[in-house]
Every structure is written in structure tokens, then in C-alpha cells.
Amino acid sequence: DPPAYANGPVQGYRLFLTETATGREQNVEVDGLSYRLEGLKKFTEYSLRFLAYNRYGPGVSTEDVTVTTLSD
């Protein structure tokens, strides 16, 4: 969902995806309110967090969400 209190119009969203075992983080720019992650490793734990940004800069990120991928 969009931020409850935005300091101006939201220009986009940023997704931070971290592979828990290695600590390797990826940063993805997202235009809408949904995004499909592809190319993830099997049976791997990932931590995700999101933030909205506008012309004044990034907002506060969400709490981390931890997920584990299944097989294929």
C-alpha cells in the first residue's frame, strides 16, 4: 500500500532484497504497487524491505519481511 502520510506525491518505490546467508543485497526500482521477483535460488532465505520516495528523497523503510523459496 502507498504510505499513509506522504510528504508530496510518491514518484516510485525501492525494494531491497538481501540473501540472508551471504548478506548480498540487491536494490530494485519499482514503479507500481506490485513487482515479480525472478531468478531466486531454490531453498534460500531472503529478507525484503520497501520504501517510497519522492522529489524530497526516500521515506522510512518497512520492517524486514523474511521469506524462504521452495524448489522449482
N, C-alpha and C. Protein backbone atom coordinates (compact mmCIF):
# COMPACT_ATOMS: atom_id res chain seq x y z
N ASP A 1 0.84 -1.18 0.00
CA ASP A 1 0.00 0.00 0.00
C ASP A 1 0.88 1.25 0.00
N PRO A 2 0.38 2.32 -0.56
CA PRO A 2 1.15 3.57 -0.50
C PRO A 2 1.30 4.04 0.94
N PRO A 3 2.27 4.91 1.21
CA PRO A 3 2.46 5.41 2.57
C PRO A 3 1.20 6.15 3.06
N ALA A 4 0.90 6.01 4.32
CA ALA A 4 -0.27 6.68 4.90
C ALA A 4 -0.07 8.20 4.92
N TYR A 5 1.15 8.64 5.19
CA TYR A 5 1.46 10.06 5.25
C TYR A 5 2.66 10.35 4.36
N ALA A 6 2.39 10.79 3.15
CA ALA A 6 3.48 11.09 2.20
C ALA A 6 3.74 12.59 2.21
N ASN A 7 4.99 12.96 2.11
CA ASN A 7 5.39 14.36 2.05
C ASN A 7 5.47 14.77 0.57
N GLY A 8 4.35 14.73 -0.11
CA GLY A 8 4.29 15.02 -1.54
C GLY A 8 3.98 13.76 -2.31
N PRO A 9 3.74 13.89 -3.62
CA PRO A 9 3.39 12.73 -4.44
C PRO A 9 4.52 11.69 -4.52
N VAL A 10 4.16 10.43 -4.39
CA VAL A 10 5.14 9.34 -4.49
C VAL A 10 5.58 9.21 -5.94
N GLN A 11 6.90 9.19 -6.17
CA GLN A 11 7.44 9.03 -7.52
C GLN A 11 7.74 7.57 -7.84
N GLY A 12 7.99 6.77 -6.83
CA GLY A 12 8.31 5.36 -7.04
C GLY A 12 8.61 4.68 -5.74
N TYR A 13 8.96 3.40 -5.88
CA TYR A 13 9.26 2.58 -4.71
C TYR A 13 10.59 1.88 -4.93
N ARG A 14 11.25 1.57 -3.85
CA ARG A 14 12.52 0.84 -3.91
C ARG A 14 12.37 -0.42 -3.08
N LEU A 15 12.81 -1.52 -3.65
CA LEU A 15 12.78 -2.83 -2.99
C LEU A 15 14.22 -3.23 -2.70
N PHE A 16 14.49 -3.59 -1.46
CA PHE A 16 15.79 -4.09 -1.06
C PHE A 16 15.64 -5.58 -0.76
N LEU A 17 16.37 -6.39 -1.50
CA LEU A 17 16.31 -7.84 -1.38
C LEU A 17 17.69 -8.33 -0.93
N THR A 18 17.74 -8.99 0.22
CA THR A 18 19.00 -9.48 0.76
C THR A 18 18.96 -10.99 0.90
N GLU A 19 19.95 -11.66 0.32
CA GLU A 19 20.09 -13.11 0.52
C GLU A 19 20.70 -13.27 1.91
N THR A 20 19.95 -13.86 2.82
CA THR A 20 20.33 -13.90 4.23
C THR A 20 21.68 -14.57 4.47
N ALA A 21 21.94 -15.68 3.81
CA ALA A 21 23.18 -16.44 4.07
C ALA A 21 24.43 -15.66 3.67
N THR A 22 24.37 -14.93 2.58
CA THR A 22 25.56 -14.23 2.08
C THR A 22 25.58 -12.75 2.43
N GLY A 23 24.43 -12.19 2.76
CA GLY A 23 24.35 -10.76 3.03
C GLY A 23 24.34 -9.91 1.77
N ARG A 24 24.28 -10.57 0.61
CA ARG A 24 24.29 -9.85 -0.67
C ARG A 24 22.94 -9.15 -0.86
N GLU A 25 22.99 -7.84 -1.04
CA GLU A 25 21.76 -7.05 -1.18
C GLU A 25 21.62 -6.53 -2.60
N GLN A 26 20.39 -6.59 -3.10
CA GLN A 26 20.05 -6.01 -4.40
C GLN A 26 19.05 -4.90 -4.16
N ASN A 27 19.08 -3.89 -5.01
CA ASN A 27 18.22 -2.73 -4.90
C ASN A 27 17.47 -2.62 -6.22
N VAL A 28 16.13 -2.65 -6.18
CA VAL A 28 15.32 -2.62 -7.40
C VAL A 28 14.36 -1.44 -7.34
N GLU A 29 14.32 -0.65 -8.42
CA GLU A 29 13.35 0.43 -8.54
C GLU A 29 12.04 -0.16 -9.05
N VAL A 30 10.93 0.18 -8.39
CA VAL A 30 9.62 -0.35 -8.73
C VAL A 30 8.68 0.82 -8.97
N ASP A 31 7.99 0.82 -10.11
CA ASP A 31 7.09 1.92 -10.44
C ASP A 31 5.71 1.78 -9.81
N GLY A 32 5.18 0.56 -9.76
CA GLY A 32 3.83 0.35 -9.26
C GLY A 32 3.81 -0.24 -7.87
N LEU A 33 2.65 -0.78 -7.50
CA LEU A 33 2.49 -1.36 -6.17
C LEU A 33 2.71 -2.86 -6.15
N SER A 34 3.16 -3.43 -7.27
CA SER A 34 3.48 -4.86 -7.28
C SER A 34 4.72 -5.08 -8.15
N TYR A 35 5.41 -6.16 -7.84
CA TYR A 35 6.64 -6.49 -8.57
C TYR A 35 6.86 -7.99 -8.46
N ARG A 36 7.26 -8.62 -9.55
CA ARG A 36 7.51 -10.07 -9.56
C ARG A 36 9.01 -10.31 -9.50
N LEU A 37 9.45 -10.99 -8.46
CA LEU A 37 10.87 -11.36 -8.33
C LEU A 37 11.11 -12.64 -9.11
N GLU A 38 12.15 -12.65 -9.91
CA GLU A 38 12.51 -13.83 -10.69
C GLU A 38 13.99 -14.12 -10.50
N GLY A 39 14.38 -15.36 -10.78
CA GLY A 39 15.78 -15.73 -10.71
C GLY A 39 16.29 -15.97 -9.29
N LEU A 40 15.38 -16.25 -8.36
CA LEU A 40 15.80 -16.52 -6.98
C LEU A 40 16.31 -17.95 -6.87
N LYS A 41 17.18 -18.19 -5.90
CA LYS A 41 17.73 -19.52 -5.68
C LYS A 41 16.73 -20.40 -4.94
N LYS A 42 16.80 -21.71 -5.19
CA LYS A 42 15.95 -22.68 -4.51
C LYS A 42 16.32 -22.78 -3.04
N PHE A 43 15.32 -23.02 -2.20
CA PHE A 43 15.52 -23.26 -0.76
C PHE A 43 16.45 -22.23 -0.12
N THR A 44 16.20 -20.96 -0.42
CA THR A 44 17.06 -19.88 0.06
C THR A 44 16.22 -18.86 0.82
N GLU A 45 16.75 -18.37 1.93
CA GLU A 45 16.06 -17.37 2.73
C GLU A 45 16.46 -15.97 2.25
N TYR A 46 15.47 -15.13 2.07
CA TYR A 46 15.67 -13.75 1.65
C TYR A 46 14.97 -12.82 2.63
N SER A 47 15.53 -11.64 2.78
CA SER A 47 14.92 -10.59 3.59
C SER A 47 14.57 -9.45 2.64
N LEU A 48 13.34 -8.95 2.74
CA LEU A 48 12.89 -7.87 1.88
C LEU A 48 12.42 -6.69 2.71
N ARG A 49 12.68 -5.50 2.21
CA ARG A 49 12.12 -4.29 2.80
C ARG A 49 11.86 -3.30 1.68
N PHE A 50 10.94 -2.40 1.92
CA PHE A 50 10.49 -1.49 0.89
C PHE A 50 10.48 -0.07 1.41
N LEU A 51 10.59 0.88 0.49
CA LEU A 51 10.41 2.28 0.85
C LEU A 51 9.87 3.03 -0.35
N ALA A 52 9.17 4.11 -0.07
CA ALA A 52 8.66 5.00 -1.11
C ALA A 52 9.60 6.21 -1.18
N TYR A 53 9.67 6.84 -2.35
CA TYR A 53 10.46 8.06 -2.46
C TYR A 53 9.72 9.07 -3.33
N ASN A 54 10.08 10.33 -3.14
CA ASN A 54 9.53 11.41 -3.96
C ASN A 54 10.64 12.42 -4.20
N ARG A 55 10.27 13.59 -4.66
CA ARG A 55 11.32 14.57 -5.02
C ARG A 55 12.12 15.05 -3.82
N TYR A 56 11.63 14.80 -2.61
CA TYR A 56 12.34 15.19 -1.40
C TYR A 56 13.28 14.10 -0.90
N GLY A 57 13.24 12.91 -1.54
CA GLY A 57 14.12 11.82 -1.13
C GLY A 57 13.34 10.60 -0.66
N PRO A 58 14.06 9.62 -0.11
CA PRO A 58 13.41 8.39 0.34
C PRO A 58 12.69 8.58 1.67
N GLY A 59 11.64 7.79 1.84
CA GLY A 59 10.92 7.76 3.11
C GLY A 59 11.50 6.70 4.02
N VAL A 60 10.80 6.41 5.08
CA VAL A 60 11.21 5.39 6.04
C VAL A 60 10.89 4.02 5.45
N SER A 61 11.81 3.08 5.57
CA SER A 61 11.57 1.74 5.02
C SER A 61 10.68 0.93 5.95
N THR A 62 10.09 -0.10 5.39
CA THR A 62 9.27 -1.01 6.17
C THR A 62 10.16 -1.88 7.05
N GLU A 63 9.54 -2.61 7.95
CA GLU A 63 10.26 -3.65 8.69
C GLU A 63 10.65 -4.74 7.70
N ASP A 64 11.70 -5.49 8.00
CA ASP A 64 12.12 -6.59 7.14
C ASP A 64 11.05 -7.68 7.13
N VAL A 65 10.85 -8.26 5.95
CA VAL A 65 9.99 -9.43 5.78
C VAL A 65 10.91 -10.56 5.34
N THR A 66 10.91 -11.68 6.04
CA THR A 66 11.77 -12.80 5.70
C THR A 66 10.94 -13.88 5.02
N VAL A 67 11.44 -14.34 3.86
CA VAL A 67 10.76 -15.39 3.10
C VAL A 67 11.78 -16.45 2.70
N THR A 68 11.31 -17.66 2.47
CA THR A 68 12.17 -18.75 2.01
C THR A 68 11.57 -19.33 0.74
N THR A 69 12.39 -19.44 -0.29
CA THR A 69 11.91 -20.01 -1.55
C THR A 69 11.77 -21.51 -1.42
N LEU A 70 10.93 -22.07 -2.26
CA LEU A 70 10.74 -23.52 -2.31
C LEU A 70 11.59 -24.09 -3.44
N SER A 71 11.31 -25.32 -3.87
CA SER A 71 12.04 -25.89 -5.00
C SER A 71 11.62 -25.12 -6.27
N ASP A 72 11.60 -25.76 -7.39
CA ASP A 72 11.19 -25.08 -8.62
C ASP A 72 9.80 -24.59 -8.44
